[in-house]
């Protein structure tokens, strides 16, 4: 089972991390739209992190996202990051080909 672990910090910083599943894609954020958000920055832990990812994570906007390059997905190999212009990070889903792959995110 994958976990969504979130925290809301002082002064409106909305951030969290999630373990990406291998079977069915899941949202990276479970709360609804953040009216102040203009985007989200997502990062996959890499070789310089204490616990690095070993496989690519795929990000997309559909619950039927698959862990490959087919369809509308963005591949995040270990250590990669991306910033997307979205006002609702709960519409972004993640999946991976291997267990124990995490991503960190922060609303902008």
PDB file of N, CA and C in Angstrom:
ATOM      1  N   UNK A   1       0.837  -1.177   0.000  1.00  0.00           N
ATOM      2  CA  UNK A   1       0.000   0.000   0.000  1.00  0.00           C
ATOM      3  C   UNK A   1       0.880   1.237   0.000  1.00  0.00           C
ATOM      4  N   UNK A   2       0.577   2.175  -0.837  1.00  0.00           N
ATOM      5  CA  UNK A   2       1.335   3.414  -0.900  1.00  0.00           C
ATOM      6  C   UNK A   2       0.748   4.432   0.053  1.00  0.00           C
ATOM      7  N   UNK A   3       1.601   5.317   0.520  1.00  0.00           N
ATOM      8  CA  UNK A   3       1.183   6.312   1.490  1.00  0.00           C
ATOM      9  C   UNK A   3       1.282   7.703   0.910  1.00  0.00           C
ATOM     10  N   UNK A   4       0.299   8.536   1.221  1.00  0.00           N
ATOM     11  CA  UNK A   4       0.373   9.954   0.943  1.00  0.00           C
ATOM     12  C   UNK A   4       0.616  10.621   2.277  1.00  0.00           C
ATOM     13  N   UNK A   5       1.722  11.308   2.402  1.00  0.00           N
ATOM     14  CA  UNK A   5       2.078  11.970   3.643  1.00  0.00           C
ATOM     15  C   UNK A   5       2.213  13.447   3.319  1.00  0.00           C
ATOM     16  N   UNK A   6       1.421  14.276   3.974  1.00  0.00           N
ATOM     17  CA  UNK A   6       1.403  15.686   3.648  1.00  0.00           C
ATOM     18  C   UNK A   6       1.600  16.538   4.880  1.00  0.00           C
ATOM     19  N   UNK A   7       2.005  17.756   4.679  1.00  0.00           N
ATOM     20  CA  UNK A   7       2.065  18.723   5.761  1.00  0.00           C
ATOM     21  C   UNK A   7       1.758  20.102   5.212  1.00  0.00           C
ATOM     22  N   UNK A   8       1.152  20.920   6.022  1.00  0.00           N
ATOM     23  CA  UNK A   8       0.905  22.305   5.662  1.00  0.00           C
ATOM     24  C   UNK A   8       1.729  23.144   6.617  1.00  0.00           C
ATOM     25  N   UNK A   9       2.626  23.911   6.080  1.00  0.00           N
ATOM     26  CA  UNK A   9       3.543  24.705   6.884  1.00  0.00           C
ATOM     27  C   UNK A   9       3.010  26.123   7.077  1.00  0.00           C
ATOM     28  N   UNK A  10       3.674  26.886   7.903  1.00  0.00           N
ATOM     29  CA  UNK A  10       3.302  28.269   8.178  1.00  0.00           C
ATOM     30  C   UNK A  10       3.394  29.125   6.924  1.00  0.00           C
ATOM     31  N   UNK A  11       2.672  30.187   6.890  1.00  0.00           N
ATOM     32  CA  UNK A  11       2.671  31.185   5.830  1.00  0.00           C
ATOM     33  C   UNK A  11       2.279  30.614   4.479  1.00  0.00           C
ATOM     34  N   UNK A  12       1.399  29.635   4.463  1.00  0.00           N
ATOM     35  CA  UNK A  12       0.809  29.153   3.234  1.00  0.00           C
ATOM     36  C   UNK A  12       1.607  28.177   2.406  1.00  0.00           C
ATOM     37  N   UNK A  13       2.738  27.683   2.902  1.00  0.00           N
ATOM     38  CA  UNK A  13       3.517  26.714   2.144  1.00  0.00           C
ATOM     39  C   UNK A  13       2.839  25.351   2.229  1.00  0.00           C
ATOM     40  N   UNK A  14       2.430  24.831   1.098  1.00  0.00           N
ATOM     41  CA  UNK A  14       1.752  23.543   1.025  1.00  0.00           C
ATOM     42  C   UNK A  14       2.712  22.561   0.377  1.00  0.00           C
ATOM     43  N   UNK A  15       3.120  21.528   1.114  1.00  0.00           N
ATOM     44  CA  UNK A  15       4.105  20.599   0.578  1.00  0.00           C
ATOM     45  C   UNK A  15       3.850  19.200   1.123  1.00  0.00           C
ATOM     46  N   UNK A  16       4.523  18.215   0.540  1.00  0.00           N
ATOM     47  CA  UNK A  16       4.370  16.852   1.012  1.00  0.00           C
ATOM     48  C   UNK A  16       5.218  15.888   0.215  1.00  0.00           C
ATOM     49  N   UNK A  17       5.035  14.615   0.493  1.00  0.00           N
ATOM     50  CA  UNK A  17       5.729  13.565  -0.242  1.00  0.00           C
ATOM     51  C   UNK A  17       4.809  12.364  -0.317  1.00  0.00           C
ATOM     52  N   UNK A  18       5.055  11.520  -1.289  1.00  0.00           N
ATOM     53  CA  UNK A  18       4.186  10.370  -1.530  1.00  0.00           C
ATOM     54  C   UNK A  18       5.019   9.204  -2.047  1.00  0.00           C
ATOM     55  N   UNK A  19       4.670   7.994  -1.611  1.00  0.00           N
ATOM     56  CA  UNK A  19       5.250   6.782  -2.174  1.00  0.00           C
ATOM     57  C   UNK A  19       4.408   6.400  -3.381  1.00  0.00           C
ATOM     58  N   UNK A  20       5.032   6.315  -4.540  1.00  0.00           N
ATOM     59  CA  UNK A  20       4.300   6.024  -5.774  1.00  0.00           C
ATOM     60  C   UNK A  20       4.034   4.527  -5.884  1.00  0.00           C
ATOM     61  N   UNK A  21       2.801   4.160  -6.192  1.00  0.00           N
ATOM     62  CA  UNK A  21       2.455   2.743  -6.286  1.00  0.00           C
ATOM     63  C   UNK A  21       2.968   2.107  -7.573  1.00  0.00           C
ATOM     64  N   UNK A  22       2.907   0.780  -7.626  1.00  0.00           N
ATOM     65  CA  UNK A  22       3.310   0.052  -8.828  1.00  0.00           C
ATOM     66  C   UNK A  22       2.113  -0.485  -9.597  1.00  0.00           C
ATOM     67  N   UNK A  23       0.964  -0.566  -8.986  1.00  0.00           N
ATOM     68  CA  UNK A  23      -0.191  -1.153  -9.655  1.00  0.00           C
ATOM     69  C   UNK A  23      -1.117  -0.127 -10.279  1.00  0.00           C
ATOM     70  N   UNK A  24      -1.766   0.674  -9.458  1.00  0.00           N
ATOM     71  CA  UNK A  24      -2.716   1.678  -9.909  1.00  0.00           C
ATOM     72  C   UNK A  24      -2.203   3.056  -9.512  1.00  0.00           C
ATOM     73  N   UNK A  25      -2.215   3.980 -10.447  1.00  0.00           N
ATOM     74  CA  UNK A  25      -1.741   5.336 -10.172  1.00  0.00           C
ATOM     75  C   UNK A  25      -2.582   5.979  -9.076  1.00  0.00           C
ATOM     76  N   UNK A  26      -1.942   6.864  -8.303  1.00  0.00           N
ATOM     77  CA  UNK A  26      -2.653   7.562  -7.241  1.00  0.00           C
ATOM     78  C   UNK A  26      -2.315   9.042  -7.278  1.00  0.00           C
ATOM     79  N   UNK A  27      -3.218   9.885  -6.743  1.00  0.00           N
ATOM     80  CA  UNK A  27      -2.934  11.321  -6.726  1.00  0.00           C
ATOM     81  C   UNK A  27      -1.735  11.629  -5.840  1.00  0.00           C
ATOM     82  N   UNK A  28      -0.960  12.645  -6.220  1.00  0.00           N
ATOM     83  CA  UNK A  28       0.170  13.028  -5.384  1.00  0.00           C
ATOM     84  C   UNK A  28      -0.292  13.855  -4.192  1.00  0.00           C
ATOM     85  N   UNK A  29      -1.502  14.367  -4.246  1.00  0.00           N
ATOM     86  CA  UNK A  29      -2.055  15.183  -3.159  1.00  0.00           C
ATOM     87  C   UNK A  29      -3.521  14.837  -3.033  1.00  0.00           C
ATOM     88  N   UNK A  30      -4.017  14.632  -1.824  1.00  0.00           N
ATOM     89  CA  UNK A  30      -5.390  14.163  -1.657  1.00  0.00           C
ATOM     90  C   UNK A  30      -6.397  15.266  -1.368  1.00  0.00           C
ATOM     91  N   UNK A  31      -5.936  16.429  -0.944  1.00  0.00           N
ATOM     92  CA  UNK A  31      -6.869  17.533  -0.705  1.00  0.00           C
ATOM     93  C   UNK A  31      -7.258  18.164  -2.028  1.00  0.00           C
ATOM     94  N   UNK A  32      -8.364  18.902  -2.033  1.00  0.00           N
ATOM     95  CA  UNK A  32      -8.850  19.558  -3.243  1.00  0.00           C
ATOM     96  C   UNK A  32      -8.012  20.743  -3.666  1.00  0.00           C
ATOM     97  N   UNK A  33      -8.555  21.559  -4.576  1.00  0.00           N
ATOM     98  CA  UNK A  33      -7.795  22.667  -5.141  1.00  0.00           C
ATOM     99  C   UNK A  33      -7.289  23.642  -4.083  1.00  0.00           C
ATOM    100  N   UNK A  34      -6.098  24.144  -4.311  1.00  0.00           N
ATOM    101  CA  UNK A  34      -5.517  25.198  -3.490  1.00  0.00           C
ATOM    102  C   UNK A  34      -5.700  26.484  -4.284  1.00  0.00           C
ATOM    103  N   UNK A  35      -6.608  27.328  -3.831  1.00  0.00           N
ATOM    104  CA  UNK A  35      -6.968  28.534  -4.597  1.00  0.00           C
ATOM    105  C   UNK A  35      -5.781  29.471  -4.827  1.00  0.00           C
ATOM    106  N   UNK A  36      -4.775  29.404  -3.972  1.00  0.00           N
ATOM    107  CA  UNK A  36      -3.628  30.294  -4.136  1.00  0.00           C
ATOM    108  C   UNK A  36      -2.517  29.674  -4.980  1.00  0.00           C
ATOM    109  N   UNK A  37      -2.630  28.395  -5.298  1.00  0.00           N
ATOM    110  CA  UNK A  37      -1.559  27.714  -6.041  1.00  0.00           C
ATOM    111  C   UNK A  37      -1.523  28.167  -7.495  1.00  0.00           C
ATOM    112  N   UNK A  38      -0.328  28.381  -7.995  1.00  0.00           N
ATOM    113  CA  UNK A  38      -0.108  28.697  -9.407  1.00  0.00           C
ATOM    114  C   UNK A  38       0.601  27.555 -10.111  1.00  0.00           C
ATOM    115  N   UNK A  39       1.080  26.600  -9.332  1.00  0.00           N
ATOM    116  CA  UNK A  39       1.790  25.469  -9.896  1.00  0.00           C
ATOM    117  C   UNK A  39       2.270  24.545  -8.805  1.00  0.00           C
ATOM    118  N   UNK A  40       2.997  23.514  -9.224  1.00  0.00           N
ATOM    119  CA  UNK A  40       3.561  22.559  -8.277  1.00  0.00           C
ATOM    120  C   UNK A  40       4.941  22.145  -8.793  1.00  0.00           C
ATOM    121  N   UNK A  41       5.871  22.044  -7.873  1.00  0.00           N
ATOM    122  CA  UNK A  41       7.208  21.563  -8.197  1.00  0.00           C
ATOM    123  C   UNK A  41       7.340  20.152  -7.621  1.00  0.00           C
ATOM    124  N   UNK A  42       7.781  19.215  -8.450  1.00  0.00           N
ATOM    125  CA  UNK A  42       7.866  17.806  -8.074  1.00  0.00           C
ATOM    126  C   UNK A  42       9.302  17.334  -8.259  1.00  0.00           C
ATOM    127  N   UNK A  43       9.815  16.558  -7.297  1.00  0.00           N
ATOM    128  CA  UNK A  43      11.189  16.049  -7.375  1.00  0.00           C
ATOM    129  C   UNK A  43      11.241  14.592  -6.942  1.00  0.00           C
ATOM    130  N   UNK A  44      12.001  13.795  -7.695  1.00  0.00           N
ATOM    131  CA  UNK A  44      12.253  12.395  -7.344  1.00  0.00           C
ATOM    132  C   UNK A  44      13.627  12.319  -6.682  1.00  0.00           C
ATOM    133  N   UNK A  45      13.738  11.773  -5.468  1.00  0.00           N
ATOM    134  CA  UNK A  45      15.040  11.684  -4.798  1.00  0.00           C
ATOM    135  C   UNK A  45      16.077  10.962  -5.670  1.00  0.00           C
ATOM    136  N   UNK A  46      17.305  11.476  -5.644  1.00  0.00           N
ATOM    137  CA  UNK A  46      18.369  10.913  -6.472  1.00  0.00           C
ATOM    138  C   UNK A  46      19.540  10.408  -5.654  1.00  0.00           C
ATOM    139  N   UNK A  47      20.640  10.169  -6.325  1.00  0.00           N
ATOM    140  CA  UNK A  47      21.818   9.535  -5.723  1.00  0.00           C
ATOM    141  C   UNK A  47      22.399  10.307  -4.545  1.00  0.00           C
ATOM    142  N   UNK A  48      22.224  11.618  -4.501  1.00  0.00           N
ATOM    143  CA  UNK A  48      22.783  12.413  -3.411  1.00  0.00           C
ATOM    144  C   UNK A  48      21.856  12.501  -2.200  1.00  0.00           C
ATOM    145  N   UNK A  49      20.676  11.920  -2.288  1.00  0.00           N
ATOM    146  CA  UNK A  49      19.730  11.929  -1.169  1.00  0.00           C
ATOM    147  C   UNK A  49      19.986  10.746  -0.244  1.00  0.00           C
ATOM    148  N   UNK A  50      19.553  10.889   1.009  1.00  0.00           N
ATOM    149  CA  UNK A  50      19.767   9.828   2.002  1.00  0.00           C
ATOM    150  C   UNK A  50      19.135   8.511   1.566  1.00  0.00           C
ATOM    151  N   UNK A  51      17.937   8.576   1.003  1.00  0.00           N
ATOM    152  CA  UNK A  51      17.249   7.377   0.500  1.00  0.00           C
ATOM    153  C   UNK A  51      16.851   7.662  -0.949  1.00  0.00           C
ATOM    154  N   UNK A  52      17.709   7.308  -1.911  1.00  0.00           N
ATOM    155  CA  UNK A  52      17.430   7.632  -3.318  1.00  0.00           C
ATOM    156  C   UNK A  52      16.438   6.665  -3.958  1.00  0.00           C
ATOM    157  N   UNK A  53      15.748   7.161  -4.969  1.00  0.00           N
ATOM    158  CA  UNK A  53      14.937   6.276  -5.803  1.00  0.00           C
ATOM    159  C   UNK A  53      15.871   5.470  -6.699  1.00  0.00           C
ATOM    160  N   UNK A  54      15.396   4.306  -7.129  1.00  0.00           N
ATOM    161  CA  UNK A  54      16.172   3.463  -8.036  1.00  0.00           C
ATOM    162  C   UNK A  54      15.471   3.256  -9.373  1.00  0.00           C
ATOM    163  N   UNK A  55      14.244   3.773  -9.493  1.00  0.00           N
ATOM    164  CA  UNK A  55      13.472   3.598 -10.723  1.00  0.00           C
ATOM    165  C   UNK A  55      12.794   4.915 -11.093  1.00  0.00           C
ATOM    166  N   UNK A  56      12.352   4.998 -12.329  1.00  0.00           N
ATOM    167  CA  UNK A  56      11.656   6.178 -12.830  1.00  0.00           C
ATOM    168  C   UNK A  56      10.234   6.232 -12.287  1.00  0.00           C
ATOM    169  N   UNK A  57       9.791   7.440 -11.985  1.00  0.00           N
ATOM    170  CA  UNK A  57       8.407   7.714 -11.597  1.00  0.00           C
ATOM    171  C   UNK A  57       7.736   8.384 -12.788  1.00  0.00           C
ATOM    172  N   UNK A  58       6.483   8.068 -13.022  1.00  0.00           N
ATOM    173  CA  UNK A  58       5.722   8.679 -14.106  1.00  0.00           C
ATOM    174  C   UNK A  58       4.615   9.538 -13.515  1.00  0.00           C
ATOM    175  N   UNK A  59       4.478  10.761 -14.044  1.00  0.00           N
ATOM    176  CA  UNK A  59       3.497  11.730 -13.586  1.00  0.00           C
ATOM    177  C   UNK A  59       2.525  11.983 -14.731  1.00  0.00           C
ATOM    178  N   UNK A  60       1.232  12.044 -14.418  1.00  0.00           N
ATOM    179  CA  UNK A  60       0.224  12.340 -15.424  1.00  0.00           C
ATOM    180  C   UNK A  60      -1.038  12.865 -14.782  1.00  0.00           C
ATOM    181  N   UNK A  61      -2.037  13.151 -15.598  1.00  0.00           N
ATOM    182  CA  UNK A  61      -3.285  13.735 -15.102  1.00  0.00           C
ATOM    183  C   UNK A  61      -4.456  12.759 -15.118  1.00  0.00           C
ATOM    184  N   UNK A  62      -4.170  11.496 -15.259  1.00  0.00           N
ATOM    185  CA  UNK A  62      -5.255  10.507 -15.330  1.00  0.00           C
ATOM    186  C   UNK A  62      -5.014   9.373 -14.352  1.00  0.00           C
ATOM    187  N   UNK A  63      -6.098   8.880 -13.778  1.00  0.00           N
ATOM    188  CA  UNK A  63      -6.008   7.773 -12.830  1.00  0.00           C
ATOM    189  C   UNK A  63      -5.563   6.485 -13.515  1.00  0.00           C
ATOM    190  N   UNK A  64      -5.749   6.373 -14.838  1.00  0.00           N
ATOM    191  CA  UNK A  64      -5.344   5.162 -15.555  1.00  0.00           C
ATOM    192  C   UNK A  64      -3.932   5.282 -16.132  1.00  0.00           C
ATOM    193  N   UNK A  65      -3.132   6.181 -15.578  1.00  0.00           N
ATOM    194  CA  UNK A  65      -1.735   6.359 -15.951  1.00  0.00           C
ATOM    195  C   UNK A  65      -0.987   5.035 -15.825  1.00  0.00           C
ATOM    196  N   UNK A  66      -0.093   4.760 -16.778  1.00  0.00           N
ATOM    197  CA  UNK A  66       0.708   3.540 -16.726  1.00  0.00           C
ATOM    198  C   UNK A  66       2.183   3.878 -16.551  1.00  0.00           C
ATOM    199  N   UNK A  67       2.934   2.943 -16.039  1.00  0.00           N
ATOM    200  CA  UNK A  67       4.357   3.156 -15.755  1.00  0.00           C
ATOM    201  C   UNK A  67       5.208   2.895 -16.986  1.00  0.00           C
ATOM    202  N   UNK A  68       5.003   3.698 -18.011  1.00  0.00           N
ATOM    203  CA  UNK A  68       5.817   3.643 -19.218  1.00  0.00           C
ATOM    204  C   UNK A  68       5.655   4.973 -19.951  1.00  0.00           C
ATOM    205  N   UNK A  69       6.231   5.087 -21.110  1.00  0.00           N
ATOM    206  CA  UNK A  69       6.170   6.352 -21.849  1.00  0.00           C
ATOM    207  C   UNK A  69       4.932   6.470 -22.723  1.00  0.00           C
ATOM    208  N   UNK A  70       4.019   5.522 -22.678  1.00  0.00           N
ATOM    209  CA  UNK A  70       2.817   5.631 -23.498  1.00  0.00           C
ATOM    210  C   UNK A  70       1.846   6.617 -22.856  1.00  0.00           C
ATOM    211  N   UNK A  71       1.060   7.260 -23.673  1.00  0.00           N
ATOM    212  CA  UNK A  71       0.081   8.197 -23.154  1.00  0.00           C
ATOM    213  C   UNK A  71       0.702   9.520 -22.740  1.00  0.00           C
ATOM    214  N   UNK A  72      -0.062  10.276 -22.008  1.00  0.00           N
ATOM    215  CA  UNK A  72       0.363  11.620 -21.583  1.00  0.00           C
ATOM    216  C   UNK A  72       1.020  11.546 -20.216  1.00  0.00           C
ATOM    217  N   UNK A  73       2.281  11.150 -20.189  1.00  0.00           N
ATOM    218  CA  UNK A  73       2.997  11.071 -18.919  1.00  0.00           C
ATOM    219  C   UNK A  73       4.349  11.766 -19.039  1.00  0.00           C
ATOM    220  N   UNK A  74       4.862  12.157 -17.886  1.00  0.00           N
ATOM    221  CA  UNK A  74       6.189  12.740 -17.788  1.00  0.00           C
ATOM    222  C   UNK A  74       7.024  11.783 -16.954  1.00  0.00           C
ATOM    223  N   UNK A  75       8.182  11.392 -17.457  1.00  0.00           N
ATOM    224  CA  UNK A  75       9.070  10.481 -16.732  1.00  0.00           C
ATOM    225  C   UNK A  75      10.023  11.282 -15.859  1.00  0.00           C
ATOM    226  N   UNK A  76      10.113  10.902 -14.574  1.00  0.00           N
ATOM    227  CA  UNK A  76      11.060  11.522 -13.647  1.00  0.00           C
ATOM    228  C   UNK A  76      12.031  10.455 -13.156  1.00  0.00           C
ATOM    229  N   UNK A  77      13.207  10.365 -13.761  1.00  0.00           N
ATOM    230  CA  UNK A  77      14.201   9.418 -13.254  1.00  0.00           C
ATOM    231  C   UNK A  77      14.735   9.904 -11.907  1.00  0.00           C
ATOM    232  N   UNK A  78      15.414   9.065 -11.159  1.00  0.00           N
ATOM    233  CA  UNK A  78      15.956   9.478  -9.868  1.00  0.00           C
ATOM    234  C   UNK A  78      16.780  10.763  -9.984  1.00  0.00           C
ATOM    235  N   UNK A  79      16.485  11.726  -9.115  1.00  0.00           N
ATOM    236  CA  UNK A  79      17.186  12.994  -9.094  1.00  0.00           C
ATOM    237  C   UNK A  79      16.589  14.078  -9.967  1.00  0.00           C
ATOM    238  N   UNK A  80      15.601  13.737 -10.786  1.00  0.00           N
ATOM    239  CA  UNK A  80      14.988  14.715 -11.693  1.00  0.00           C
ATOM    240  C   UNK A  80      13.882  15.492 -10.992  1.00  0.00           C
ATOM    241  N   UNK A  81      13.570  16.663 -11.544  1.00  0.00           N
ATOM    242  CA  UNK A  81      12.466  17.466 -11.018  1.00  0.00           C
ATOM    243  C   UNK A  81      11.759  18.151 -12.164  1.00  0.00           C
ATOM    244  N   UNK A  82      10.540  18.608 -11.887  1.00  0.00           N
ATOM    245  CA  UNK A  82       9.745  19.315 -12.885  1.00  0.00           C
ATOM    246  C   UNK A  82       8.822  20.284 -12.147  1.00  0.00           C
ATOM    247  N   UNK A  83       8.539  21.413 -12.779  1.00  0.00           N
ATOM    248  CA  UNK A  83       7.570  22.368 -12.258  1.00  0.00           C
ATOM    249  C   UNK A  83       6.449  22.481 -13.281  1.00  0.00           C
ATOM    250  N   UNK A  84       5.212  22.305 -12.809  1.00  0.00           N
ATOM    251  CA  UNK A  84       4.047  22.325 -13.682  1.00  0.00           C
ATOM    252  C   UNK A  84       3.106  23.448 -13.263  1.00  0.00           C
ATOM    253  N   UNK A  85       2.495  24.106 -14.228  1.00  0.00           N
ATOM    254  CA  UNK A  85       1.526  25.163 -13.958  1.00  0.00           C
ATOM    255  C   UNK A  85       0.147  24.533 -13.791  1.00  0.00           C
ATOM    256  N   UNK A  86      -0.228  24.252 -12.567  1.00  0.00           N
ATOM    257  CA  UNK A  86      -1.542  23.696 -12.246  1.00  0.00           C
ATOM    258  C   UNK A  86      -2.047  24.363 -10.973  1.00  0.00           C
ATOM    259  N   UNK A  87      -3.363  24.513 -10.857  1.00  0.00           N
ATOM    260  CA  UNK A  87      -3.892  25.088  -9.623  1.00  0.00           C
ATOM    261  C   UNK A  87      -4.499  24.034  -8.720  1.00  0.00           C
ATOM    262  N   UNK A  88      -4.434  22.774  -9.137  1.00  0.00           N
ATOM    263  CA  UNK A  88      -4.971  21.693  -8.312  1.00  0.00           C
ATOM    264  C   UNK A  88      -4.047  20.474  -8.395  1.00  0.00           C
ATOM    265  N   UNK A  89      -3.025  20.400  -7.516  1.00  0.00           N
ATOM    266  CA  UNK A  89      -2.098  19.268  -7.546  1.00  0.00           C
ATOM    267  C   UNK A  89      -2.766  17.912  -7.313  1.00  0.00           C
ATOM    268  N   UNK A  90      -3.996  17.889  -6.784  1.00  0.00           N
ATOM    269  CA  UNK A  90      -4.666  16.603  -6.574  1.00  0.00           C
ATOM    270  C   UNK A  90      -5.084  15.960  -7.900  1.00  0.00           C
ATOM    271  N   UNK A  91      -4.988  16.688  -9.009  1.00  0.00           N
ATOM    272  CA  UNK A  91      -5.286  16.128 -10.328  1.00  0.00           C
ATOM    273  C   UNK A  91      -4.078  15.453 -10.964  1.00  0.00           C
ATOM    274  N   UNK A  92      -2.915  15.526 -10.302  1.00  0.00           N
ATOM    275  CA  UNK A  92      -1.711  14.869 -10.799  1.00  0.00           C
ATOM    276  C   UNK A  92      -1.554  13.506 -10.141  1.00  0.00           C
ATOM    277  N   UNK A  93      -1.277  12.495 -10.935  1.00  0.00           N
ATOM    278  CA  UNK A  93      -1.135  11.123 -10.456  1.00  0.00           C
ATOM    279  C   UNK A  93       0.302  10.659 -10.648  1.00  0.00           C
ATOM    280  N   UNK A  94       0.708   9.658  -9.856  1.00  0.00           N
ATOM    281  CA  UNK A  94       2.044   9.083 -10.006  1.00  0.00           C
ATOM    282  C   UNK A  94       1.962   7.562  -9.985  1.00  0.00           C
ATOM    283  N   UNK A  95       2.968   6.940 -10.613  1.00  0.00           N
ATOM    284  CA  UNK A  95       3.095   5.480 -10.630  1.00  0.00           C
ATOM    285  C   UNK A  95       4.563   5.165 -10.930  1.00  0.00           C
ATOM    286  N   UNK A  96       5.013   3.981 -10.556  1.00  0.00           N
ATOM    287  CA  UNK A  96       6.387   3.561 -10.838  1.00  0.00           C
ATOM    288  C   UNK A  96       6.402   2.071 -11.176  1.00  0.00           C
ATOM    289  N   UNK A  97       7.512   1.609 -11.711  1.00  0.00           N
ATOM    290  CA  UNK A  97       7.666   0.188 -12.030  1.00  0.00           C
ATOM    291  C   UNK A  97       8.214  -0.601 -10.848  1.00  0.00           C
ATOM    292  N   UNK A  98       8.742   0.098  -9.839  1.00  0.00           N
ATOM    293  CA  UNK A  98       9.304  -0.563  -8.660  1.00  0.00           C
ATOM    294  C   UNK A  98       8.699   0.028  -7.393  1.00  0.00           C
ATOM    295  N   UNK A  99       8.613  -0.785  -6.346  1.00  0.00           N
ATOM    296  CA  UNK A  99       8.108  -0.327  -5.053  1.00  0.00           C
ATOM    297  C   UNK A  99       9.131   0.582  -4.375  1.00  0.00           C
ATOM    298  N   UNK A 100       8.691   1.294  -3.363  1.00  0.00           N
ATOM    299  CA  UNK A 100       9.542   2.171  -2.543  1.00  0.00           C
ATOM    300  C   UNK A 100      10.165   3.318  -3.328  1.00  0.00           C
ATOM    301  N   UNK A 101       9.411   3.875  -4.258  1.00  0.00           N
ATOM    302  CA  UNK A 101       9.849   5.046  -5.023  1.00  0.00           C
ATOM    303  C   UNK A 101       9.015   6.239  -4.559  1.00  0.00           C
ATOM    304  N   UNK A 102       9.693   7.310  -4.167  1.00  0.00           N
ATOM    305  CA  UNK A 102       9.028   8.458  -3.564  1.00  0.00           C
ATOM    306  C   UNK A 102       9.156   9.695  -4.436  1.00  0.00           C
ATOM    307  N   UNK A 103       8.255  10.649  -4.221  1.00  0.00           N
ATOM    308  CA  UNK A 103       8.424  11.974  -4.790  1.00  0.00           C
ATOM    309  C   UNK A 103       8.076  13.010  -3.740  1.00  0.00           C
ATOM    310  N   UNK A 104       8.685  14.169  -3.850  1.00  0.00           N
ATOM    311  CA  UNK A 104       8.417  15.318  -2.990  1.00  0.00           C
ATOM    312  C   UNK A 104       7.742  16.360  -3.841  1.00  0.00           C
ATOM    313  N   UNK A 105       6.833  17.126  -3.258  1.00  0.00           N
ATOM    314  CA  UNK A 105       6.167  18.182  -4.017  1.00  0.00           C
ATOM    315  C   UNK A 105       5.945  19.404  -3.137  1.00  0.00           C
ATOM    316  N   UNK A 106       5.832  20.549  -3.777  1.00  0.00           N
ATOM    317  CA  UNK A 106       5.502  21.791  -3.088  1.00  0.00           C
ATOM    318  C   UNK A 106       4.658  22.636  -4.045  1.00  0.00           C
ATOM    319  N   UNK A 107       3.543  23.186  -3.514  1.00  0.00           N
ATOM    320  CA  UNK A 107       2.712  24.104  -4.295  1.00  0.00           C
ATOM    321  C   UNK A 107       3.393  25.460  -4.367  1.00  0.00           C
ATOM    322  N   UNK A 108       3.270  26.089  -5.501  1.00  0.00           N
ATOM    323  CA  UNK A 108       3.917  27.396  -5.708  1.00  0.00           C
ATOM    324  C   UNK A 108       2.886  28.499  -5.752  1.00  0.00           C
TER     325      UNK A 108
END
